[in-house]
Amino acid sequence: MHVCSRRKFLQMASLAMLMAVIPAVRAEGIQAQQIDVVQRGELFHLNGGFTIQLSPTLDDALRRGVQLTFVQAVEAERERNWWLAEGLSDLERSVRLSYNALLRQYYVSLSGVSSAHESLSEALQAVGDLRDWAVVNVKQMKKKAEYKIYVRMYLDVSQLPKPLQVNALASSGRWQLDSGWQERGFKY
């Protein structure tokens, strides 16, 4: 029989309690997930996306019928040695997430096209998807030059209903989701 000291027992018990709590804690926010720039014909496309975890406040608001609008933003520029970078494109698109309590389905709307999802995780995956978004045309580019693309995704609190906008501004932590700018470099 293995005998351990009281100190060792307390360490092991506190470690076990900590390990039991860790899976229950979830990271809220938006994280970039392997974003790549790929050329197809005359256009450069983004592939990859973002993982999104809603705070309990946002999850509750969504289930009560509040539509959440996320903005995906992209800026592309050509690096120059002796001058400021040359801007090539500055694009934004809105992705709307809503929940229908009667049908128990989540709806994602992007550029007028809607899709229905059975679970919140599927819907959030569709919201964060950047697949096949054309962001730069080859005609704007110079060969053998270095380019950078900056990608960002955030929750647009200005699209919330007015009473919730005030709440969102007053309690920023529960309503603010932002990935920050993610930088990717590529050559043409």
N, C-alpha and C. Protein backbone atom coordinates (compact mmCIF):
# COMPACT_ATOMS: atom_id res chain seq x y z
N MET A 1 0.83 -1.17 0.00
CA MET A 1 0.00 0.00 0.00
C MET A 1 0.88 1.24 0.00
N HIS A 2 0.52 2.19 -0.89
CA HIS A 2 1.31 3.40 -1.04
C HIS A 2 0.89 4.42 0.01
N VAL A 3 1.87 4.96 0.72
CA VAL A 3 1.60 5.94 1.76
C VAL A 3 2.13 7.28 1.28
N CYS A 4 1.33 8.33 1.46
CA CYS A 4 1.81 9.66 1.09
C CYS A 4 1.59 10.62 2.26
N SER A 5 2.38 11.67 2.24
CA SER A 5 2.28 12.64 3.32
C SER A 5 1.03 13.50 3.14
N ARG A 6 0.71 14.23 4.18
CA ARG A 6 -0.47 15.10 4.14
C ARG A 6 -0.29 16.19 3.09
N ARG A 7 0.91 16.74 3.00
CA ARG A 7 1.21 17.79 2.03
C ARG A 7 1.03 17.25 0.61
N LYS A 8 1.54 16.07 0.35
CA LYS A 8 1.42 15.45 -0.97
C LYS A 8 -0.06 15.19 -1.30
N PHE A 9 -0.82 14.72 -0.29
CA PHE A 9 -2.25 14.47 -0.49
C PHE A 9 -2.99 15.76 -0.85
N LEU A 10 -2.69 16.85 -0.13
CA LEU A 10 -3.35 18.13 -0.42
C LEU A 10 -2.99 18.64 -1.81
N GLN A 11 -1.74 18.47 -2.22
CA GLN A 11 -1.33 18.88 -3.56
C GLN A 11 -2.08 18.10 -4.62
N MET A 12 -2.18 16.79 -4.42
CA MET A 12 -2.88 15.95 -5.39
C MET A 12 -4.37 16.28 -5.43
N ALA A 13 -4.97 16.53 -4.28
CA ALA A 13 -6.40 16.86 -4.22
C ALA A 13 -6.67 18.21 -4.90
N SER A 14 -5.83 19.20 -4.65
CA SER A 14 -6.04 20.51 -5.28
C SER A 14 -5.80 20.42 -6.79
N LEU A 15 -4.85 19.61 -7.22
CA LEU A 15 -4.61 19.42 -8.65
C LEU A 15 -5.81 18.73 -9.30
N ALA A 16 -6.39 17.74 -8.64
CA ALA A 16 -7.57 17.06 -9.18
C ALA A 16 -8.75 18.01 -9.28
N MET A 17 -8.93 18.88 -8.28
CA MET A 17 -10.02 19.85 -8.33
C MET A 17 -9.79 20.85 -9.46
N LEU A 18 -8.57 21.28 -9.64
CA LEU A 18 -8.24 22.21 -10.71
C LEU A 18 -8.50 21.58 -12.07
N MET A 19 -8.12 20.34 -12.25
CA MET A 19 -8.33 19.65 -13.51
C MET A 19 -9.82 19.45 -13.79
N ALA A 20 -10.62 19.31 -12.76
CA ALA A 20 -12.06 19.16 -12.93
C ALA A 20 -12.70 20.48 -13.36
N VAL A 21 -12.13 21.59 -12.95
CA VAL A 21 -12.68 22.90 -13.27
C VAL A 21 -12.26 23.37 -14.65
N ILE A 22 -11.07 23.05 -15.09
CA ILE A 22 -10.53 23.57 -16.35
C ILE A 22 -11.41 23.28 -17.56
N PRO A 23 -11.92 22.07 -17.77
CA PRO A 23 -12.77 21.87 -18.94
C PRO A 23 -14.05 22.69 -18.91
N ALA A 24 -14.54 23.06 -17.74
CA ALA A 24 -15.77 23.85 -17.65
C ALA A 24 -15.55 25.30 -18.07
N VAL A 25 -14.32 25.77 -17.96
CA VAL A 25 -14.01 27.13 -18.36
C VAL A 25 -13.79 27.15 -19.87
N ARG A 26 -14.49 28.05 -20.56
CA ARG A 26 -14.29 28.12 -21.99
C ARG A 26 -13.78 29.51 -22.34
N ALA A 27 -12.92 29.55 -23.32
CA ALA A 27 -12.36 30.82 -23.75
C ALA A 27 -13.38 31.52 -24.63
N GLU A 28 -13.74 32.73 -24.25
CA GLU A 28 -14.67 33.51 -25.03
C GLU A 28 -13.90 34.41 -25.97
N GLY A 29 -14.44 34.62 -27.14
CA GLY A 29 -13.80 35.52 -28.08
C GLY A 29 -13.69 34.91 -29.45
N ILE A 30 -12.88 35.56 -30.28
CA ILE A 30 -12.67 35.14 -31.66
C ILE A 30 -11.18 34.91 -31.85
N GLN A 31 -10.83 33.73 -32.34
CA GLN A 31 -9.43 33.36 -32.58
C GLN A 31 -9.23 33.01 -34.05
N ALA A 32 -8.14 33.48 -34.65
CA ALA A 32 -7.82 33.12 -36.04
C ALA A 32 -7.39 31.66 -36.08
N GLN A 33 -7.77 30.99 -37.17
CA GLN A 33 -7.48 29.57 -37.30
C GLN A 33 -6.94 29.31 -38.70
N GLN A 34 -5.66 29.21 -38.85
CA GLN A 34 -4.96 28.89 -40.09
C GLN A 34 -5.56 29.61 -41.30
N ILE A 35 -5.27 30.88 -41.43
CA ILE A 35 -5.74 31.68 -42.56
C ILE A 35 -4.64 31.71 -43.61
N ASP A 36 -4.98 31.30 -44.83
CA ASP A 36 -4.02 31.25 -45.94
C ASP A 36 -4.50 32.11 -47.09
N VAL A 37 -3.54 32.58 -47.90
CA VAL A 37 -3.84 33.33 -49.12
C VAL A 37 -3.48 32.43 -50.29
N VAL A 38 -4.46 32.16 -51.17
CA VAL A 38 -4.28 31.22 -52.27
C VAL A 38 -4.67 31.90 -53.58
N GLN A 39 -3.84 31.71 -54.62
CA GLN A 39 -4.16 32.28 -55.93
C GLN A 39 -4.96 31.27 -56.75
N ARG A 40 -6.06 31.76 -57.33
CA ARG A 40 -6.86 30.96 -58.26
C ARG A 40 -7.19 31.83 -59.45
N GLY A 41 -6.53 31.56 -60.55
CA GLY A 41 -6.73 32.37 -61.75
C GLY A 41 -6.23 33.78 -61.53
N GLU A 42 -7.11 34.75 -61.74
CA GLU A 42 -6.74 36.16 -61.63
C GLU A 42 -6.97 36.75 -60.24
N LEU A 43 -7.40 35.93 -59.30
CA LEU A 43 -7.75 36.43 -57.97
C LEU A 43 -7.00 35.70 -56.87
N PHE A 44 -6.73 36.42 -55.79
CA PHE A 44 -6.21 35.82 -54.57
C PHE A 44 -7.37 35.68 -53.60
N HIS A 45 -7.51 34.48 -53.03
CA HIS A 45 -8.60 34.16 -52.11
C HIS A 45 -8.05 33.89 -50.72
N LEU A 46 -8.91 34.07 -49.73
CA LEU A 46 -8.60 33.66 -48.37
C LEU A 46 -9.19 32.29 -48.12
N ASN A 47 -8.46 31.47 -47.41
CA ASN A 47 -8.96 30.18 -46.93
C ASN A 47 -8.70 30.11 -45.45
N GLY A 48 -9.51 29.36 -44.75
CA GLY A 48 -9.37 29.25 -43.30
C GLY A 48 -10.53 29.95 -42.63
N GLY A 49 -10.29 30.44 -41.44
CA GLY A 49 -11.37 31.12 -40.76
C GLY A 49 -11.06 31.43 -39.31
N PHE A 50 -12.11 31.66 -38.56
CA PHE A 50 -12.02 32.03 -37.15
C PHE A 50 -12.84 31.05 -36.33
N THR A 51 -12.39 30.79 -35.11
CA THR A 51 -13.21 30.05 -34.15
C THR A 51 -13.84 31.08 -33.22
N ILE A 52 -15.11 30.92 -32.96
CA ILE A 52 -15.86 31.89 -32.18
C ILE A 52 -16.48 31.19 -30.97
N GLN A 53 -16.29 31.78 -29.81
CA GLN A 53 -16.94 31.32 -28.58
C GLN A 53 -17.72 32.50 -28.02
N LEU A 54 -19.02 32.33 -27.89
CA LEU A 54 -19.86 33.39 -27.36
C LEU A 54 -19.81 33.40 -25.84
N SER A 55 -19.90 34.59 -25.27
CA SER A 55 -20.02 34.71 -23.82
C SER A 55 -21.43 34.26 -23.43
N PRO A 56 -21.64 33.90 -22.17
CA PRO A 56 -23.00 33.51 -21.75
C PRO A 56 -24.03 34.61 -22.01
N THR A 57 -23.64 35.86 -21.91
CA THR A 57 -24.55 36.98 -22.18
C THR A 57 -24.98 36.99 -23.64
N LEU A 58 -24.02 36.82 -24.55
CA LEU A 58 -24.34 36.80 -25.98
C LEU A 58 -25.15 35.58 -26.35
N ASP A 59 -24.81 34.44 -25.77
CA ASP A 59 -25.56 33.21 -26.03
C ASP A 59 -27.02 33.37 -25.59
N ASP A 60 -27.23 33.96 -24.44
CA ASP A 60 -28.58 34.19 -23.92
C ASP A 60 -29.34 35.16 -24.82
N ALA A 61 -28.68 36.23 -25.23
CA ALA A 61 -29.34 37.22 -26.11
C ALA A 61 -29.72 36.58 -27.44
N LEU A 62 -28.84 35.75 -28.00
CA LEU A 62 -29.12 35.08 -29.27
C LEU A 62 -30.34 34.16 -29.13
N ARG A 63 -30.40 33.40 -28.06
CA ARG A 63 -31.52 32.48 -27.84
C ARG A 63 -32.84 33.22 -27.57
N ARG A 64 -32.74 34.48 -27.18
CA ARG A 64 -33.95 35.27 -26.93
C ARG A 64 -34.37 36.08 -28.16
N GLY A 65 -33.70 35.84 -29.29
CA GLY A 65 -34.13 36.46 -30.54
C GLY A 65 -33.31 37.64 -31.02
N VAL A 66 -32.21 37.95 -30.37
CA VAL A 66 -31.36 39.06 -30.82
C VAL A 66 -30.44 38.56 -31.92
N GLN A 67 -30.47 39.25 -33.05
CA GLN A 67 -29.60 38.89 -34.17
C GLN A 67 -28.20 39.48 -33.93
N LEU A 68 -27.17 38.66 -34.10
CA LEU A 68 -25.79 39.11 -33.93
C LEU A 68 -25.17 39.31 -35.30
N THR A 69 -24.52 40.45 -35.50
CA THR A 69 -23.87 40.75 -36.76
C THR A 69 -22.36 40.79 -36.55
N PHE A 70 -21.65 39.94 -37.27
CA PHE A 70 -20.20 39.91 -37.23
C PHE A 70 -19.66 40.53 -38.51
N VAL A 71 -18.54 41.23 -38.40
CA VAL A 71 -17.91 41.85 -39.55
C VAL A 71 -16.55 41.19 -39.78
N GLN A 72 -16.32 40.76 -41.01
CA GLN A 72 -15.02 40.23 -41.43
C GLN A 72 -14.37 41.33 -42.28
N ALA A 73 -13.19 41.76 -41.88
CA ALA A 73 -12.50 42.85 -42.57
C ALA A 73 -11.14 42.37 -43.09
N VAL A 74 -10.77 42.85 -44.28
CA VAL A 74 -9.50 42.48 -44.90
C VAL A 74 -8.87 43.73 -45.49
N GLU A 75 -7.58 43.89 -45.25
CA GLU A 75 -6.80 44.94 -45.89
C GLU A 75 -5.58 44.29 -46.52
N ALA A 76 -5.29 44.65 -47.77
CA ALA A 76 -4.13 44.11 -48.48
C ALA A 76 -3.24 45.27 -48.90
N GLU A 77 -1.93 45.07 -48.80
CA GLU A 77 -0.99 46.12 -49.19
C GLU A 77 0.30 45.52 -49.72
N ARG A 78 0.96 46.31 -50.57
CA ARG A 78 2.26 45.91 -51.12
C ARG A 78 3.35 46.61 -50.33
N GLU A 79 4.30 45.84 -49.86
CA GLU A 79 5.43 46.39 -49.12
C GLU A 79 6.35 47.15 -50.07
N ARG A 80 6.86 48.30 -49.62
CA ARG A 80 7.83 49.07 -50.40
C ARG A 80 8.99 49.42 -49.48
N ASN A 81 10.20 49.43 -50.05
CA ASN A 81 11.40 49.64 -49.25
C ASN A 81 11.56 51.09 -48.78
N TRP A 82 11.32 52.03 -49.66
CA TRP A 82 11.66 53.42 -49.34
C TRP A 82 10.45 54.31 -49.17
N TRP A 83 9.28 53.75 -49.12
CA TRP A 83 8.07 54.55 -49.02
C TRP A 83 7.03 53.77 -48.23
N LEU A 84 5.92 54.40 -47.95
CA LEU A 84 4.85 53.71 -47.24
C LEU A 84 4.28 52.58 -48.09
N ALA A 85 3.68 51.63 -47.43
CA ALA A 85 3.07 50.51 -48.15
C ALA A 85 1.93 51.01 -49.03
N GLU A 86 1.78 50.38 -50.19
CA GLU A 86 0.72 50.74 -51.13
C GLU A 86 -0.52 49.90 -50.84
N GLY A 87 -1.65 50.55 -50.55
CA GLY A 87 -2.88 49.84 -50.26
C GLY A 87 -3.51 49.27 -51.53
N LEU A 88 -3.88 48.00 -51.49
CA LEU A 88 -4.49 47.35 -52.66
C LEU A 88 -6.00 47.16 -52.49
N SER A 89 -6.41 46.72 -51.32
CA SER A 89 -7.84 46.53 -51.10
C SER A 89 -8.17 46.72 -49.63
N ASP A 90 -9.39 47.11 -49.41
CA ASP A 90 -9.92 47.31 -48.06
C ASP A 90 -11.37 46.86 -48.11
N LEU A 91 -11.62 45.61 -47.70
CA LEU A 91 -12.94 45.01 -47.85
C LEU A 91 -13.55 44.65 -46.50
N GLU A 92 -14.87 44.69 -46.45
CA GLU A 92 -15.62 44.23 -45.28
C GLU A 92 -16.85 43.50 -45.76
N ARG A 93 -17.24 42.50 -44.98
CA ARG A 93 -18.51 41.84 -45.23
C ARG A 93 -19.15 41.47 -43.90
N SER A 94 -20.48 41.53 -43.89
CA SER A 94 -21.22 41.24 -42.66
C SER A 94 -21.80 39.84 -42.71
N VAL A 95 -21.73 39.16 -41.58
CA VAL A 95 -22.31 37.83 -41.42
C VAL A 95 -23.28 37.92 -40.26
N ARG A 96 -24.54 37.56 -40.51
CA ARG A 96 -25.57 37.66 -39.47
C ARG A 96 -25.92 36.28 -38.93
N LEU A 97 -26.02 36.21 -37.62
CA LEU A 97 -26.37 34.98 -36.93
C LEU A 97 -27.66 35.21 -36.15
N SER A 98 -28.65 34.34 -36.37
CA SER A 98 -29.91 34.45 -35.64
C SER A 98 -30.39 33.06 -35.24
N TYR A 99 -31.35 33.05 -34.32
CA TYR A 99 -31.89 31.79 -33.80
C TYR A 99 -33.40 31.84 -33.88
N ASN A 100 -34.00 30.76 -34.40
CA ASN A 100 -35.44 30.63 -34.44
C ASN A 100 -35.85 29.64 -33.36
N ALA A 101 -36.45 30.14 -32.28
CA ALA A 101 -36.79 29.29 -31.14
C ALA A 101 -37.88 28.28 -31.49
N LEU A 102 -38.77 28.63 -32.39
CA LEU A 102 -39.85 27.73 -32.76
C LEU A 102 -39.31 26.50 -33.50
N LEU A 103 -38.39 26.73 -34.43
CA LEU A 103 -37.81 25.63 -35.20
C LEU A 103 -36.55 25.05 -34.57
N ARG A 104 -36.03 25.76 -33.56
CA ARG A 104 -34.78 25.38 -32.90
C ARG A 104 -33.63 25.23 -33.90
N GLN A 105 -33.50 26.25 -34.73
CA GLN A 105 -32.43 26.27 -35.72
C GLN A 105 -31.73 27.62 -35.70
N TYR A 106 -30.46 27.58 -36.02
CA TYR A 106 -29.64 28.79 -36.16
C TYR A 106 -29.53 29.11 -37.64
N TYR A 107 -29.58 30.39 -37.95
CA TYR A 107 -29.48 30.82 -39.34
C TYR A 107 -28.28 31.75 -39.49
N VAL A 108 -27.50 31.49 -40.54
CA VAL A 108 -26.34 32.32 -40.87
C VAL A 108 -26.59 32.93 -42.23
N SER A 109 -26.47 34.24 -42.32
CA SER A 109 -26.72 34.95 -43.57
C SER A 109 -25.47 35.71 -43.98
N LEU A 110 -25.01 35.45 -45.21
CA LEU A 110 -23.83 36.11 -45.77
C LEU A 110 -24.13 36.48 -47.21
N SER A 111 -24.06 37.75 -47.54
CA SER A 111 -24.28 38.26 -48.89
C SER A 111 -25.61 37.80 -49.47
N GLY A 112 -26.65 37.81 -48.66
CA GLY A 112 -27.97 37.45 -49.12
C GLY A 112 -28.26 35.96 -49.18
N VAL A 113 -27.28 35.13 -48.86
CA VAL A 113 -27.46 33.68 -48.87
C VAL A 113 -27.53 33.20 -47.42
N SER A 114 -28.61 32.49 -47.10
CA SER A 114 -28.79 31.99 -45.74
C SER A 114 -28.60 30.48 -45.69
N SER A 115 -28.14 30.02 -44.54
CA SER A 115 -28.01 28.58 -44.30
C SER A 115 -28.54 28.28 -42.91
N ALA A 116 -29.17 27.12 -42.76
CA ALA A 116 -29.73 26.70 -41.48
C ALA A 116 -28.82 25.68 -40.83
N HIS A 117 -28.70 25.75 -39.51
CA HIS A 117 -27.82 24.85 -38.76
C HIS A 117 -28.55 24.34 -37.53
N GLU A 118 -28.31 23.08 -37.21
CA GLU A 118 -28.98 22.44 -36.07
C GLU A 118 -28.38 22.84 -34.72
N SER A 119 -27.07 23.11 -34.69
CA SER A 119 -26.41 23.42 -33.42
C SER A 119 -25.70 24.76 -33.49
N LEU A 120 -25.45 25.33 -32.32
CA LEU A 120 -24.73 26.60 -32.25
C LEU A 120 -23.30 26.45 -32.75
N SER A 121 -22.66 25.34 -32.45
CA SER A 121 -21.27 25.16 -32.88
C SER A 121 -21.16 25.13 -34.40
N GLU A 122 -22.10 24.47 -35.08
CA GLU A 122 -22.10 24.46 -36.55
C GLU A 122 -22.31 25.87 -37.10
N ALA A 123 -23.23 26.59 -36.49
CA ALA A 123 -23.53 27.95 -36.95
C ALA A 123 -22.33 28.87 -36.76
N LEU A 124 -21.66 28.76 -35.61
CA LEU A 124 -20.49 29.60 -35.36
C LEU A 124 -19.34 29.25 -36.30
N GLN A 125 -19.23 27.99 -36.66
CA GLN A 125 -18.21 27.59 -37.63
C GLN A 125 -18.50 28.23 -39.00
N ALA A 126 -19.77 28.27 -39.38
CA ALA A 126 -20.15 28.91 -40.65
C ALA A 126 -19.93 30.42 -40.60
N VAL A 127 -20.17 31.03 -39.44
CA VAL A 127 -19.96 32.47 -39.30
C VAL A 127 -18.48 32.82 -39.46
N GLY A 128 -17.60 32.01 -38.91
CA GLY A 128 -16.17 32.29 -38.95
C GLY A 128 -15.45 31.86 -40.21
N ASP A 129 -16.16 31.25 -41.14
CA ASP A 129 -15.55 30.71 -42.36
C ASP A 129 -15.16 31.83 -43.33
N LEU A 130 -13.92 31.78 -43.82
CA LEU A 130 -13.44 32.74 -44.81
C LEU A 130 -13.25 32.11 -46.18
N ARG A 131 -13.63 30.87 -46.33
CA ARG A 131 -13.33 30.10 -47.53
C ARG A 131 -13.76 30.82 -48.81
N ASP A 132 -12.85 30.87 -49.75
CA ASP A 132 -13.09 31.38 -51.10
C ASP A 132 -13.53 32.84 -51.16
N TRP A 133 -13.03 33.66 -50.26
CA TRP A 133 -13.32 35.09 -50.32
C TRP A 133 -12.25 35.76 -51.16
N ALA A 134 -12.60 36.23 -52.35
CA ALA A 134 -11.66 36.89 -53.25
C ALA A 134 -11.35 38.28 -52.70
N VAL A 135 -10.06 38.54 -52.45
CA VAL A 135 -9.70 39.79 -51.80
C VAL A 135 -8.77 40.69 -52.62
N VAL A 136 -8.00 40.12 -53.56
CA VAL A 136 -7.08 40.92 -54.36
C VAL A 136 -7.08 40.40 -55.79
N ASN A 137 -7.08 41.33 -56.75
CA ASN A 137 -7.00 40.98 -58.17
C ASN A 137 -5.54 41.07 -58.61
N VAL A 138 -5.12 40.15 -59.47
CA VAL A 138 -3.73 40.10 -59.96
C VAL A 138 -3.38 41.37 -60.72
N LYS A 139 -4.36 42.00 -61.35
CA LYS A 139 -4.11 43.20 -62.14
C LYS A 139 -3.62 44.36 -61.28
N GLN A 140 -3.87 44.32 -59.99
CA GLN A 140 -3.43 45.36 -59.07
C GLN A 140 -1.99 45.14 -58.59
N MET A 141 -1.42 43.99 -58.90
CA MET A 141 -0.18 43.57 -58.28
C MET A 141 1.01 43.64 -59.24
N LYS A 142 2.20 43.71 -58.65
CA LYS A 142 3.45 43.67 -59.41
C LYS A 142 4.14 42.35 -59.10
N LYS A 143 4.74 41.76 -60.12
CA LYS A 143 5.41 40.48 -59.92
C LYS A 143 6.65 40.65 -59.05
N LYS A 144 6.98 39.58 -58.35
CA LYS A 144 8.15 39.49 -57.46
C LYS A 144 8.13 40.55 -56.36
N ALA A 145 6.95 40.85 -55.88
CA ALA A 145 6.84 41.82 -54.80
C ALA A 145 6.27 41.11 -53.57
N GLU A 146 6.53 41.71 -52.42
CA GLU A 146 6.01 41.16 -51.15
C GLU A 146 4.72 41.87 -50.80
N TYR A 147 3.75 41.07 -50.35
CA TYR A 147 2.44 41.60 -49.99
C TYR A 147 2.06 41.13 -48.59
N LYS A 148 1.22 41.93 -47.95
CA LYS A 148 0.69 41.57 -46.64
C LYS A 148 -0.82 41.73 -46.66
N ILE A 149 -1.46 40.79 -45.99
CA ILE A 149 -2.91 40.86 -45.82
C ILE A 149 -3.18 40.86 -44.33
N TYR A 150 -4.05 41.77 -43.91
CA TYR A 150 -4.47 41.87 -42.52
C TYR A 150 -5.94 41.47 -42.45
N VAL A 151 -6.26 40.53 -41.58
CA VAL A 151 -7.62 40.00 -41.47
C VAL A 151 -8.10 40.21 -40.03
N ARG A 152 -9.36 40.59 -39.91
CA ARG A 152 -9.95 40.83 -38.59
C ARG A 152 -11.42 40.43 -38.61
N MET A 153 -11.91 39.98 -37.47
CA MET A 153 -13.33 39.69 -37.33
C MET A 153 -13.79 40.20 -35.97
N TYR A 154 -14.97 40.83 -35.94
CA TYR A 154 -15.48 41.37 -34.68
C TYR A 154 -17.00 41.40 -34.70
N LEU A 155 -17.56 41.47 -33.51
CA LEU A 155 -19.01 41.62 -33.35
C LEU A 155 -19.34 43.10 -33.47
N ASP A 156 -20.25 43.43 -34.37
CA ASP A 156 -20.64 44.81 -34.60
C ASP A 156 -21.76 45.17 -33.63
N VAL A 157 -21.40 45.82 -32.51
CA VAL A 157 -22.40 46.18 -31.49
C VAL A 157 -23.33 47.28 -31.97
N SER A 158 -22.96 48.02 -33.01
CA SER A 158 -23.84 49.06 -33.53
C SER A 158 -25.06 48.47 -34.23
N GLN A 159 -25.04 47.19 -34.56
CA GLN A 159 -26.17 46.53 -35.20
C GLN A 159 -27.14 45.91 -34.19
N LEU A 160 -26.79 45.97 -32.92
CA LEU A 160 -27.69 45.45 -31.88
C LEU A 160 -28.86 46.42 -31.70
N PRO A 161 -29.98 45.94 -31.13
CA PRO A 161 -31.08 46.87 -30.81
C PRO A 161 -30.58 47.98 -29.87
N LYS A 162 -31.16 49.16 -29.99
CA LYS A 162 -30.67 50.33 -29.25
C LYS A 162 -30.53 50.12 -27.74
N PRO A 163 -31.49 49.51 -27.04
CA PRO A 163 -31.30 49.31 -25.59
C PRO A 163 -30.07 48.43 -25.28
N LEU A 164 -29.80 47.47 -26.15
CA LEU A 164 -28.65 46.60 -25.92
C LEU A 164 -27.33 47.29 -26.28
N GLN A 165 -27.38 48.26 -27.19
CA GLN A 165 -26.16 49.01 -27.52
C GLN A 165 -25.64 49.75 -26.29
N VAL A 166 -26.55 50.35 -25.54
CA VAL A 166 -26.16 51.06 -24.33
C VAL A 166 -25.55 50.09 -23.33
N ASN A 167 -26.19 48.93 -23.17
CA ASN A 167 -25.68 47.89 -22.27
C ASN A 167 -24.31 47.39 -22.75
N ALA A 168 -24.16 47.23 -24.06
CA ALA A 168 -22.90 46.73 -24.61
C ALA A 168 -21.77 47.73 -24.38
N LEU A 169 -22.06 49.02 -24.48
CA LEU A 169 -21.03 50.02 -24.25
C LEU A 169 -20.67 50.14 -22.77
N ALA A 170 -21.66 49.94 -21.91
CA ALA A 170 -21.42 50.06 -20.47
C ALA A 170 -20.68 48.86 -19.91
N SER A 171 -20.97 47.67 -20.41
CA SER A 171 -20.31 46.45 -19.92
C SER A 171 -19.56 45.80 -21.07
N SER A 172 -18.44 46.38 -21.42
CA SER A 172 -17.72 46.00 -22.63
C SER A 172 -17.26 44.55 -22.66
N GLY A 173 -16.91 43.96 -21.55
CA GLY A 173 -16.35 42.62 -21.56
C GLY A 173 -17.31 41.55 -22.02
N ARG A 174 -18.58 41.69 -21.71
CA ARG A 174 -19.55 40.65 -22.04
C ARG A 174 -20.05 40.74 -23.47
N TRP A 175 -19.95 41.90 -24.09
CA TRP A 175 -20.51 42.09 -25.42
C TRP A 175 -19.46 42.26 -26.50
N GLN A 176 -18.23 42.52 -26.14
CA GLN A 176 -17.20 42.81 -27.13
C GLN A 176 -16.46 41.53 -27.53
N LEU A 177 -16.52 41.21 -28.80
CA LEU A 177 -15.74 40.11 -29.37
C LEU A 177 -14.94 40.68 -30.52
N ASP A 178 -13.64 40.45 -30.51
CA ASP A 178 -12.76 40.98 -31.56
C ASP A 178 -11.52 40.11 -31.65
N SER A 179 -11.16 39.72 -32.85
CA SER A 179 -9.96 38.90 -33.04
C SER A 179 -8.70 39.74 -33.07
N GLY A 180 -8.83 41.03 -33.33
CA GLY A 180 -7.66 41.86 -33.57
C GLY A 180 -7.16 41.57 -34.98
N TRP A 181 -6.25 42.40 -35.46
CA TRP A 181 -5.73 42.22 -36.82
C TRP A 181 -4.73 41.07 -36.86
N GLN A 182 -4.94 40.17 -37.81
CA GLN A 182 -4.04 39.03 -38.02
C GLN A 182 -3.30 39.26 -39.33
N GLU A 183 -1.98 39.17 -39.30
CA GLU A 183 -1.16 39.48 -40.48
C GLU A 183 -0.70 38.21 -41.17
N ARG A 184 -0.80 38.20 -42.50
CA ARG A 184 -0.29 37.10 -43.33
C ARG A 184 0.50 37.71 -44.47
N GLY A 185 1.66 37.17 -44.76
CA GLY A 185 2.49 37.64 -45.86
C GLY A 185 2.49 36.63 -47.01
N PHE A 186 2.64 37.16 -48.24
CA PHE A 186 2.73 36.28 -49.41
C PHE A 186 3.43 37.01 -50.53
N LYS A 187 3.86 36.26 -51.53
CA LYS A 187 4.55 36.83 -52.70
C LYS A 187 3.76 36.53 -53.96
N TYR A 188 3.96 37.41 -54.95
CA TYR A 188 3.35 37.16 -56.26
C TYR A 188 4.44 37.10 -57.29
